[in-house]
Protein backbone atom coordinates (compact mmCIF):
# COMPACT_ATOMS: atom_id res chain seq x y z
CA MET A 1 -29.65 -14.26 -3.47
CA VAL A 2 -29.13 -14.32 1.01
CA SER A 3 -32.93 -14.47 2.19
CA VAL A 4 -32.73 -12.80 5.87
CA PRO A 5 -36.00 -14.00 7.45
CA ASP A 6 -36.73 -10.96 8.93
CA ASP A 7 -35.47 -7.05 8.08
CA SER A 8 -32.97 -6.65 10.32
CA TYR A 9 -30.12 -5.65 8.15
CA ILE A 10 -31.46 -2.26 7.21
CA ASP A 11 -30.69 -1.20 10.89
CA PRO A 12 -27.28 -1.27 11.89
CA SER A 13 -27.84 -1.48 15.57
CA ALA A 14 -29.49 -4.46 14.91
CA TRP A 15 -26.32 -6.55 13.87
CA ARG A 16 -22.70 -6.47 14.99
CA ILE A 17 -18.84 -7.59 13.74
CA PRO A 18 -17.33 -10.43 16.45
CA MET A 19 -13.92 -9.16 16.28
CA ASP A 20 -12.81 -12.81 16.90
CA ALA A 21 -14.57 -14.03 13.48
CA ILE A 22 -12.46 -12.21 11.22
CA GLY A 23 -9.07 -11.78 9.79
CA GLY A 24 -6.94 -11.62 6.50
CA THR A 25 -3.70 -13.25 4.85
CA LEU A 26 -1.90 -11.29 2.74
CA SER A 27 -0.01 -14.01 -0.07
CA MET A 28 2.18 -13.87 -3.17
CA ASN A 29 1.38 -16.33 -6.10
CA THR A 30 4.52 -18.45 -6.75
CA SER A 31 5.15 -21.53 -9.31
CA LYS A 32 4.47 -23.58 -6.16
CA GLY A 33 1.38 -21.98 -5.66
CA PRO A 34 0.79 -19.16 -2.94
CA ARG A 35 3.10 -18.13 -0.49
CA LEU A 36 1.50 -16.66 2.55
CA LEU A 37 3.06 -13.32 3.53
CA TYR A 38 1.22 -11.83 6.40
CA GLU A 39 -1.53 -12.98 8.67
CA LEU A 40 -4.06 -9.37 9.23
CA PRO A 41 -5.60 -9.87 12.47
CA CYS A 42 -7.73 -7.42 12.24
CA PHE A 43 -9.70 -4.95 10.31
CA HIS A 44 -11.73 -1.49 10.56
CA GLY A 45 -14.41 -0.12 8.02
CA SER A 46 -17.85 -0.89 6.81
CA PHE A 47 -19.88 -3.54 4.71
CA TYR A 48 -22.55 -2.19 2.88
CA LEU A 49 -25.55 -4.73 3.09
CA ARG A 50 -28.77 -4.37 1.10
CA PRO A 51 -32.07 -4.45 2.92
CA SER A 52 -32.08 -8.25 2.12
CA GLY A 53 -29.03 -9.30 3.55
CA VAL A 54 -26.83 -8.94 0.37
CA LEU A 55 -23.16 -7.63 0.55
CA ALA A 56 -23.32 -4.72 -1.63
CA GLY A 57 -20.01 -3.20 -1.13
CA PHE A 58 -16.96 -2.20 1.83
CA THR A 59 -14.68 0.01 2.76
CA LEU A 60 -12.20 -1.73 4.94
CA GLN A 61 -8.84 -0.42 7.21
CA LEU A 62 -5.86 -3.34 7.62
CA PRO A 63 -3.44 -1.82 9.44
CA LEU A 64 -0.36 -3.49 7.99
CA PRO A 65 1.99 -5.68 10.34
CA SER A 66 5.50 -3.75 9.03
CA CYS A 67 5.65 -0.14 8.12
CA PRO A 68 6.70 -0.22 3.86
CA ALA A 69 9.82 1.72 4.34
CA TRP A 70 9.14 4.59 1.47
CA LEU A 71 5.88 6.04 3.14
CA ARG A 72 6.04 9.37 4.14
CA GLY A 73 6.49 10.11 7.73
CA ASP A 74 2.66 11.72 8.02
CA GLU A 75 1.21 7.89 6.32
CA ALA A 76 -0.18 5.48 8.59
CA PRO A 77 0.84 2.14 7.65
CA VAL A 78 -2.74 1.16 6.67
CA LEU A 79 -4.35 -0.70 3.64
CA PHE A 80 -7.59 0.87 2.41
CA TRP A 81 -9.49 -1.68 0.12
CA GLU A 82 -12.93 -0.19 -0.99
CA SER A 83 -15.93 -1.23 -3.52
CA VAL A 84 -18.99 -0.59 -3.70
CA ASP A 85 -22.21 -1.56 -6.20
CA LEU A 86 -21.05 -5.32 -6.06
CA VAL A 87 -22.55 -7.91 -8.35
CA THR A 88 -24.38 -10.48 -6.78
CA ASP A 89 -24.90 -14.06 -8.45
CA ALA A 90 -28.29 -15.17 -6.78
CA SER A 91 -27.36 -18.51 -7.59
CA SER A 92 -24.19 -19.31 -5.58
CA ASN A 93 -24.32 -15.97 -3.25
CA GLY A 94 -21.46 -14.46 -4.73
CA VAL A 95 -20.01 -11.22 -4.87
CA ASP A 96 -18.09 -9.73 -7.72
CA GLY A 97 -17.02 -5.93 -8.81
CA GLN A 98 -14.60 -3.51 -8.80
CA ALA A 99 -11.75 -2.72 -5.92
CA ARG A 100 -9.52 0.36 -5.23
CA LEU A 101 -6.64 -0.51 -3.18
CA ARG A 102 -4.38 2.32 -1.29
CA LEU A 103 -1.46 2.14 0.22
CA GLY A 104 0.20 5.78 0.86
CA ARG A 105 0.04 7.51 -2.36
CA GLN A 106 -0.05 4.34 -4.19
CA GLU A 107 -2.92 3.63 -5.52
CA ALA A 108 -4.42 0.37 -7.80
CA PHE A 109 -7.66 -0.65 -8.93
CA THR A 110 -7.70 -3.85 -9.56
CA THR A 111 -11.37 -7.24 -9.31
CA VAL A 112 -12.70 -7.83 -5.82
CA SER A 113 -14.82 -11.47 -5.47
CA GLY A 114 -16.05 -12.88 -3.10
CA LEU A 115 -19.17 -14.67 -0.72
CA CYS A 116 -21.99 -13.23 1.27
CA THR A 117 -23.72 -16.02 2.63
CA GLU A 118 -26.54 -17.27 5.16
CA ILE A 119 -25.51 -19.60 7.89
CA PRO A 120 -28.29 -20.96 9.70
CA VAL A 121 -27.75 -21.34 13.24
CA GLY A 122 -30.27 -24.15 15.42
CA ARG A 123 -33.37 -23.44 16.72
CA SER A 124 -32.74 -20.91 19.39
CA GLY A 125 -30.49 -18.74 17.10
CA ARG A 126 -30.49 -16.10 14.51
CA SER A 127 -28.82 -17.01 11.37
CA TYR A 128 -26.00 -14.41 10.98
CA LEU A 129 -24.03 -13.83 7.65
CA LYS A 130 -20.53 -14.91 6.42
CA ILE A 131 -18.64 -12.80 4.00
CA ILE A 132 -15.20 -13.85 2.00
CA LEU A 133 -13.57 -11.52 -0.03
CA GLU A 134 -10.50 -11.84 -2.00
CA THR A 135 -8.53 -9.48 -4.32
CA VAL A 136 -5.65 -10.35 -6.65
CA PHE A 137 -3.14 -7.12 -7.46
CA SER A 138 0.25 -6.09 -8.33
CA SER A 139 2.63 -5.52 -6.23
CA LEU A 140 4.67 -3.44 -8.10
CA ILE A 141 1.75 -0.81 -8.47
CA LEU A 142 1.15 -0.84 -4.75
CA ARG A 143 5.21 -1.02 -4.13
CA TRP A 144 3.85 -3.54 -1.12
CA PRO A 145 4.52 -6.16 0.00
CA ALA A 146 8.26 -6.05 -0.68
CA GLU A 147 8.82 -9.80 -0.93
CA ALA A 148 6.57 -9.93 -4.06
CA GLN A 149 7.55 -6.44 -5.28
CA LYS A 150 10.97 -7.81 -5.42
CA ARG A 151 10.25 -11.22 -7.54
CA LEU A 152 7.72 -8.87 -9.40
CA ARG A 153 4.55 -11.32 -8.35
CA PRO A 154 1.11 -10.67 -7.70
CA ALA A 155 -0.01 -10.51 -3.71
CA THR A 156 -3.37 -12.22 -3.36
CA LEU A 157 -5.51 -10.24 -0.29
CA LYS A 158 -8.02 -12.51 1.23
CA LEU A 159 -10.74 -11.29 4.12
CA PHE A 160 -13.29 -13.18 6.14
CA GLY A 161 -15.62 -11.54 8.48
CA GLU A 162 -19.00 -12.10 10.44
CA ILE A 163 -22.21 -9.77 10.64
CA ARG A 164 -24.21 -11.10 13.78
CA PRO A 165 -27.70 -10.24 15.10
CA ALA A 166 -26.77 -7.62 17.82
CA GLU A 167 -27.05 -9.40 21.51
CA VAL A 168 -30.14 -7.65 23.48
CA ILE A 169 -29.82 -7.01 27.07
CA PRO A 170 -31.91 -8.52 28.79
CA GLY A 171 -35.00 -5.67 30.00
CA SER A 172 -34.15 -3.81 27.32
CA VAL A 173 -36.03 -2.93 23.72
CA PRO A 174 -34.42 -3.52 20.83
CA ASP A 175 -34.32 -1.29 18.07
CA GLN A 176 -37.00 -1.32 15.47
CA PRO A 177 -36.55 -1.56 11.87
CA ARG A 178 -37.55 1.49 10.30
């Protein structure tokens, strides 16, 4: 289990997700191994942490680099990915659970696995959390991505992000956990 030296992760104002430390990939599984289809440079959403800093779940919106032709005009080209009640493997900092993917009216349920681990920072800095998530889903069920769907291949979605302590502005008093 991730051990956080203080309870700063129970107060959402005490941490932040730096945009320069997030990203993701979408690949198609082939007989020769994974083939990268897209790099997803950003996402929007939330990570849900237990008071100890362990990942409990997430709700993410991943803007797509291209819009599937079958989406209706009122549907945004955004992949919604969410999971709740992730199970933690204390010995490896791994997390596992069920996830839901939704694109327009299409929806798929799949397993998600990942890693949520504390990264120590030298003597002067506070530790931060590194999160890596992965799911494999049927491209046929979501009717996306087109390259994988045409070949009836599963797709793999990987995402990484960091949760860092919020910087304290000199002269200000940081919020105390409640």
